[in-house]
C-alpha atoms as a PDB file:
ATOM      1  CA  UNK A   1     -67.912 -11.093  17.776  1.00  0.00           C
ATOM      2  CA  UNK A   2     -69.809  -7.920  16.964  1.00  0.00           C
ATOM      3  CA  UNK A   3     -70.187  -6.808  13.434  1.00  0.00           C
ATOM      4  CA  UNK A   4     -68.633  -3.421  14.040  1.00  0.00           C
ATOM      5  CA  UNK A   5     -65.303  -4.913  15.538  1.00  0.00           C
ATOM      6  CA  UNK A   6     -62.397  -4.855  12.885  1.00  0.00           C
ATOM      7  CA  UNK A   7     -60.137  -7.609  12.177  1.00  0.00           C
ATOM      8  CA  UNK A   8     -56.345  -7.012  12.406  1.00  0.00           C
ATOM      9  CA  UNK A   9     -54.357  -8.512   9.730  1.00  0.00           C
ATOM     10  CA  UNK A  10     -52.587  -7.565   6.312  1.00  0.00           C
ATOM     11  CA  UNK A  11     -54.064  -7.703   2.816  1.00  0.00           C
ATOM     12  CA  UNK A  12     -52.424  -9.099   0.070  1.00  0.00           C
ATOM     13  CA  UNK A  13     -51.735  -5.778  -1.438  1.00  0.00           C
ATOM     14  CA  UNK A  14     -49.937  -4.506   1.636  1.00  0.00           C
ATOM     15  CA  UNK A  15     -47.825  -7.631   1.706  1.00  0.00           C
ATOM     16  CA  UNK A  16     -46.841  -7.179  -1.958  1.00  0.00           C
ATOM     17  CA  UNK A  17     -45.889  -3.555  -1.542  1.00  0.00           C
ATOM     18  CA  UNK A  18     -43.606  -4.550   1.487  1.00  0.00           C
ATOM     19  CA  UNK A  19     -42.015  -7.346  -0.599  1.00  0.00           C
ATOM     20  CA  UNK A  20     -41.452  -4.881  -3.489  1.00  0.00           C
ATOM     21  CA  UNK A  21     -39.907  -2.258  -1.271  1.00  0.00           C
ATOM     22  CA  UNK A  22     -37.511  -4.792   0.258  1.00  0.00           C
ATOM     23  CA  UNK A  23     -36.556  -6.024  -3.272  1.00  0.00           C
ATOM     24  CA  UNK A  24     -35.878  -2.373  -4.408  1.00  0.00           C
ATOM     25  CA  UNK A  25     -33.650  -1.749  -1.123  1.00  0.00           C
ATOM     26  CA  UNK A  26     -31.820  -5.010  -1.838  1.00  0.00           C
ATOM     27  CA  UNK A  27     -31.203  -4.275  -5.343  1.00  0.00           C
ATOM     28  CA  UNK A  28     -29.659  -0.980  -4.278  1.00  0.00           C
ATOM     29  CA  UNK A  29     -27.609  -2.496  -1.459  1.00  0.00           C
ATOM     30  CA  UNK A  30     -26.111  -5.514  -3.231  1.00  0.00           C
ATOM     31  CA  UNK A  31     -24.056  -3.815  -6.001  1.00  0.00           C
ATOM     32  CA  UNK A  32     -22.697  -1.266  -3.170  1.00  0.00           C
ATOM     33  CA  UNK A  33     -21.748  -4.239  -1.133  1.00  0.00           C
ATOM     34  CA  UNK A  34     -19.932  -5.854  -4.094  1.00  0.00           C
ATOM     35  CA  UNK A  35     -18.216  -2.503  -5.151  1.00  0.00           C
ATOM     36  CA  UNK A  36     -17.031  -1.967  -1.600  1.00  0.00           C
ATOM     37  CA  UNK A  37     -15.165  -5.695  -1.662  1.00  0.00           C
ATOM     38  CA  UNK A  38     -13.649  -4.674  -4.985  1.00  0.00           C
ATOM     39  CA  UNK A  39     -12.464  -1.382  -3.370  1.00  0.00           C
ATOM     40  CA  UNK A  40     -11.093  -3.022  -0.472  1.00  0.00           C
ATOM     41  CA  UNK A  41      -9.072  -5.697  -2.904  1.00  0.00           C
ATOM     42  CA  UNK A  42      -7.667  -2.635  -4.696  1.00  0.00           C
ATOM     43  CA  UNK A  43      -6.597  -0.913  -1.425  1.00  0.00           C
ATOM     44  CA  UNK A  44      -5.114  -4.232  -0.304  1.00  0.00           C
ATOM     45  CA  UNK A  45      -3.115  -4.647  -3.604  1.00  0.00           C
ATOM     46  CA  UNK A  46      -1.825  -1.191  -3.286  1.00  0.00           C
ATOM     47  CA  UNK A  47      -0.747  -1.766   0.314  1.00  0.00           C
ATOM     48  CA  UNK A  48       0.973  -5.016  -0.537  1.00  0.00           C
ATOM     49  CA  UNK A  49       2.835  -3.203  -3.319  1.00  0.00           C
ATOM     50  CA  UNK A  50       3.957  -0.641  -0.946  1.00  0.00           C
ATOM     51  CA  UNK A  51       5.292  -3.096   1.294  1.00  0.00           C
ATOM     52  CA  UNK A  52       7.004  -4.920  -1.377  1.00  0.00           C
ATOM     53  CA  UNK A  53       8.556  -1.560  -2.380  1.00  0.00           C
ATOM     54  CA  UNK A  54       9.813  -0.892   0.946  1.00  0.00           C
ATOM     55  CA  UNK A  55      11.232  -4.429   1.319  1.00  0.00           C
ATOM     56  CA  UNK A  56      12.987  -3.852  -2.038  1.00  0.00           C
ATOM     57  CA  UNK A  57      14.576  -0.525  -0.909  1.00  0.00           C
ATOM     58  CA  UNK A  58      15.651  -2.231   2.425  1.00  0.00           C
ATOM     59  CA  UNK A  59      17.423  -4.743   0.464  1.00  0.00           C
ATOM     60  CA  UNK A  60      18.996  -2.345  -1.944  1.00  0.00           C
ATOM     61  CA  UNK A  61      20.340  -0.429   1.118  1.00  0.00           C
ATOM     62  CA  UNK A  62      21.932  -3.507   2.518  1.00  0.00           C
ATOM     63  CA  UNK A  63      23.328  -5.013  -0.755  1.00  0.00           C
ATOM     64  CA  UNK A  64      23.764  -1.786  -2.788  1.00  0.00           C
ATOM     65  CA  UNK A  65      21.362  -3.318  -5.596  1.00  0.00           C
ATOM     66  CA  UNK A  66      17.989  -4.716  -6.200  1.00  0.00           C
ATOM     67  CA  UNK A  67      17.487  -8.317  -6.391  1.00  0.00           C
ATOM     68  CA  UNK A  68      17.821  -9.695  -9.890  1.00  0.00           C
ATOM     69  CA  UNK A  69      14.789 -10.402 -12.166  1.00  0.00           C
ATOM     70  CA  UNK A  70      17.052 -12.397 -14.519  1.00  0.00           C
ATOM     71  CA  UNK A  71      19.273 -15.410 -13.797  1.00  0.00           C
ATOM     72  CA  UNK A  72      22.628 -13.848 -13.418  1.00  0.00           C
ATOM     73  CA  UNK A  73      24.608 -13.441 -16.520  1.00  0.00           C
ATOM     74  CA  UNK A  74      21.741 -14.553 -18.847  1.00  0.00           C
ATOM     75  CA  UNK A  75      18.814 -13.223 -20.472  1.00  0.00           C
ATOM     76  CA  UNK A  76      16.403 -15.936 -18.627  1.00  0.00           C
ATOM     77  CA  UNK A  77      13.812 -14.514 -16.450  1.00  0.00           C
ATOM     78  CA  UNK A  78      13.964 -16.027 -12.864  1.00  0.00           C
ATOM     79  CA  UNK A  79      10.756 -18.384 -13.062  1.00  0.00           C
ATOM     80  CA  UNK A  80       8.474 -19.165 -11.414  1.00  0.00           C
ATOM     81  CA  UNK A  81       8.087 -15.347 -10.167  1.00  0.00           C
ATOM     82  CA  UNK A  82       7.737 -16.218  -6.762  1.00  0.00           C
ATOM     83  CA  UNK A  83      11.836 -16.935  -6.632  1.00  0.00           C
ATOM     84  CA  UNK A  84      12.372 -13.292  -7.555  1.00  0.00           C
ATOM     85  CA  UNK A  85      11.090 -12.557  -3.974  1.00  0.00           C
ATOM     86  CA  UNK A  86      13.222 -15.293  -2.251  1.00  0.00           C
ATOM     87  CA  UNK A  87      15.985 -12.916  -1.371  1.00  0.00           C
ATOM     88  CA  UNK A  88      13.487 -10.688   0.261  1.00  0.00           C
ATOM     89  CA  UNK A  89      12.345 -13.288   2.513  1.00  0.00           C
ATOM     90  CA  UNK A  90      15.497 -15.342   3.235  1.00  0.00           C
ATOM     91  CA  UNK A  91      18.073 -15.236   5.224  1.00  0.00           C
ATOM     92  CA  UNK A  92      17.021 -11.939   6.142  1.00  0.00           C
ATOM     93  CA  UNK A  93      13.213 -11.130   6.338  1.00  0.00           C
ATOM     94  CA  UNK A  94      12.486  -7.918   4.511  1.00  0.00           C
ATOM     95  CA  UNK A  95       9.070  -9.171   4.276  1.00  0.00           C
ATOM     96  CA  UNK A  96       7.626 -12.360   5.814  1.00  0.00           C
ATOM     97  CA  UNK A  97       6.548 -14.037   2.802  1.00  0.00           C
ATOM     98  CA  UNK A  98       5.750 -13.518  -1.065  1.00  0.00           C
ATOM     99  CA  UNK A  99       2.203 -12.072  -1.521  1.00  0.00           C
ATOM    100  CA  UNK A 100      -0.275 -13.486  -3.728  1.00  0.00           C
ATOM    101  CA  UNK A 101      -1.861 -10.764  -6.404  1.00  0.00           C
ATOM    102  CA  UNK A 102      -5.555 -11.275  -5.350  1.00  0.00           C
ATOM    103  CA  UNK A 103      -6.584 -10.403  -9.065  1.00  0.00           C
ATOM    104  CA  UNK A 104      -4.512 -13.069 -10.635  1.00  0.00           C
ATOM    105  CA  UNK A 105      -6.769 -15.862 -11.168  1.00  0.00           C
ATOM    106  CA  UNK A 106      -5.199 -17.822 -14.078  1.00  0.00           C
ATOM    107  CA  UNK A 107      -1.421 -18.574 -12.885  1.00  0.00           C
ATOM    108  CA  UNK A 108      -0.238 -21.265 -10.854  1.00  0.00           C
ATOM    109  CA  UNK A 109       0.439 -20.400  -7.151  1.00  0.00           C
ATOM    110  CA  UNK A 110       4.264 -19.899  -7.701  1.00  0.00           C
ATOM    111  CA  UNK A 111       3.587 -17.577 -10.450  1.00  0.00           C
ATOM    112  CA  UNK A 112       0.474 -15.522  -8.901  1.00  0.00           C
ATOM    113  CA  UNK A 113       2.635 -13.309  -7.048  1.00  0.00           C
ATOM    114  CA  UNK A 114       3.055  -9.677  -7.976  1.00  0.00           C
ATOM    115  CA  UNK A 115       5.413  -9.600 -11.135  1.00  0.00           C
ATOM    116  CA  UNK A 116       8.669  -7.707 -10.180  1.00  0.00           C
ATOM    117  CA  UNK A 117      10.946  -6.284 -12.502  1.00  0.00           C
ATOM    118  CA  UNK A 118      14.482  -4.964 -11.280  1.00  0.00           C
ATOM    119  CA  UNK A 119      16.648  -2.218 -12.989  1.00  0.00           C
ATOM    120  CA  UNK A 120      18.060  -4.827 -15.521  1.00  0.00           C
ATOM    121  CA  UNK A 121      14.556  -5.489 -16.919  1.00  0.00           C
ATOM    122  CA  UNK A 122      13.338  -1.931 -16.649  1.00  0.00           C
ATOM    123  CA  UNK A 123      16.256  -0.490 -18.726  1.00  0.00           C
ATOM    124  CA  UNK A 124      15.687  -3.225 -21.503  1.00  0.00           C
ATOM    125  CA  UNK A 125      12.032  -2.413 -21.463  1.00  0.00           C
ATOM    126  CA  UNK A 126      12.468   1.358 -21.818  1.00  0.00           C
ATOM    127  CA  UNK A 127      14.021   0.425 -25.139  1.00  0.00           C
ATOM    128  CA  UNK A 128      10.879  -1.222 -26.266  1.00  0.00           C
ATOM    129  CA  UNK A 129       7.375   0.180 -26.290  1.00  0.00           C
ATOM    130  CA  UNK A 130       6.183  -0.731 -22.594  1.00  0.00           C
ATOM    131  CA  UNK A 131       6.357   2.880 -21.303  1.00  0.00           C
ATOM    132  CA  UNK A 132       4.916   4.522 -24.664  1.00  0.00           C
ATOM    133  CA  UNK A 133       1.480   5.234 -22.974  1.00  0.00           C
ATOM    134  CA  UNK A 134       1.028   8.868 -22.164  1.00  0.00           C
ATOM    135  CA  UNK A 135       0.491   8.332 -18.687  1.00  0.00           C
ATOM    136  CA  UNK A 136       3.938   6.669 -18.398  1.00  0.00           C
ATOM    137  CA  UNK A 137       5.914   8.809 -20.284  1.00  0.00           C
ATOM    138  CA  UNK A 138       7.767  10.222 -17.221  1.00  0.00           C
ATOM    139  CA  UNK A 139       9.316   6.883 -16.701  1.00  0.00           C
ATOM    140  CA  UNK A 140      10.545   6.016 -19.919  1.00  0.00           C
ATOM    141  CA  UNK A 141      13.307   8.471 -19.752  1.00  0.00           C
ATOM    142  CA  UNK A 142      14.407   7.539 -16.104  1.00  0.00           C
ATOM    143  CA  UNK A 143      17.395   4.948 -15.473  1.00  0.00           C
ATOM    144  CA  UNK A 144      17.328   1.971 -12.937  1.00  0.00           C
ATOM    145  CA  UNK A 145      14.551   1.646 -10.434  1.00  0.00           C
ATOM    146  CA  UNK A 146      12.164  -1.294 -10.316  1.00  0.00           C
ATOM    147  CA  UNK A 147       8.405  -1.916 -11.046  1.00  0.00           C
ATOM    148  CA  UNK A 148       5.733  -3.985  -9.367  1.00  0.00           C
ATOM    149  CA  UNK A 149       2.592  -5.046 -11.137  1.00  0.00           C
ATOM    150  CA  UNK A 150      -0.850  -6.275 -10.474  1.00  0.00           C
ATOM    151  CA  UNK A 151      -3.306  -7.652 -12.894  1.00  0.00           C
ATOM    152  CA  UNK A 152      -5.936  -5.014 -11.700  1.00  0.00           C
ATOM    153  CA  UNK A 153      -9.687  -5.572 -11.230  1.00  0.00           C
ATOM    154  CA  UNK A 154     -10.040  -6.677 -14.896  1.00  0.00           C
ATOM    155  CA  UNK A 155      -8.088  -9.836 -13.997  1.00  0.00           C
ATOM    156  CA  UNK A 156      -5.730  -9.684 -17.049  1.00  0.00           C
ATOM    157  CA  UNK A 157      -2.322  -7.777 -18.597  1.00  0.00           C
ATOM    158  CA  UNK A 158      -3.243  -5.023 -20.775  1.00  0.00           C
ATOM    159  CA  UNK A 159       0.583  -5.100 -21.725  1.00  0.00           C
ATOM    160  CA  UNK A 160       0.218  -8.360 -23.370  1.00  0.00           C
ATOM    161  CA  UNK A 161      -2.283  -7.298 -25.850  1.00  0.00           C
ATOM    162  CA  UNK A 162      -1.188  -3.582 -26.402  1.00  0.00           C
ATOM    163  CA  UNK A 163       2.637  -3.859 -26.068  1.00  0.00           C
ATOM    164  CA  UNK A 164       2.562  -1.108 -23.582  1.00  0.00           C
ATOM    165  CA  UNK A 165       1.667  -0.636 -19.961  1.00  0.00           C
ATOM    166  CA  UNK A 166      -1.827   0.470 -19.424  1.00  0.00           C
ATOM    167  CA  UNK A 167      -2.547   2.219 -15.883  1.00  0.00           C
ATOM    168  CA  UNK A 168      -5.559   1.505 -14.062  1.00  0.00           C
ATOM    169  CA  UNK A 169      -7.455   4.377 -12.438  1.00  0.00           C
ATOM    170  CA  UNK A 170     -10.607   3.967 -10.488  1.00  0.00           C
ATOM    171  CA  UNK A 171     -12.082   7.140 -12.474  1.00  0.00           C
ATOM    172  CA  UNK A 172     -12.508   4.886 -15.303  1.00  0.00           C
ATOM    173  CA  UNK A 173     -14.877   2.606 -13.232  1.00  0.00           C
ATOM    174  CA  UNK A 174     -14.068   0.099 -11.023  1.00  0.00           C
ATOM    175  CA  UNK A 175     -13.695  -2.758 -13.479  1.00  0.00           C
ATOM    176  CA  UNK A 176     -11.882  -1.223 -16.332  1.00  0.00           C
ATOM    177  CA  UNK A 177      -8.804  -1.736 -18.322  1.00  0.00           C
ATOM    178  CA  UNK A 178      -5.497  -1.165 -16.717  1.00  0.00           C
ATOM    179  CA  UNK A 179      -2.952  -2.735 -14.433  1.00  0.00           C
ATOM    180  CA  UNK A 180      -2.036  -1.551 -11.013  1.00  0.00           C
ATOM    181  CA  UNK A 181       1.635  -0.503 -10.770  1.00  0.00           C
ATOM    182  CA  UNK A 182       4.204   0.835  -8.513  1.00  0.00           C
ATOM    183  CA  UNK A 183       7.421   2.258  -9.540  1.00  0.00           C
ATOM    184  CA  UNK A 184      10.693   2.902  -7.445  1.00  0.00           C
ATOM    185  CA  UNK A 185      12.531   4.336  -6.040  1.00  0.00           C
END
């Protein structure tokens, strides 16, 4: 080998620079990937709630009322919550199955579905403080209707702590206080 021939290869500095660049790109890409997963869960939740709302409206058309939230002629909630959806799945399938709330990580399986409140519950809750939050005042003075709720990305119910419903909005950050609601009709 002649003295003027150059050897091909990488120096340690060049390898360190490449590793640093890959590390920087990974640091940028991983949070964006995780945010995309969270946005997909939020979109799936909103889609599921819309499907449940459509099933509730179809049920109401056929039966001239929404399914009960309370055991009829009592003040006892129908629990576990999955039984509130039983009339939407049998004998007529307004929806194929009860859908689990992807943000509910604390309840047992039968209670991890989206909580549904019918007109009986809504009218009672309007007399309390649930709808006192400024974002929900337009609902406070309505009559009847229904509500479906999700834990939201922070995976807890704000109404338990604050005694009023707190609306989740993505502009407050992907993981922020607030629950996801759908009201109808």
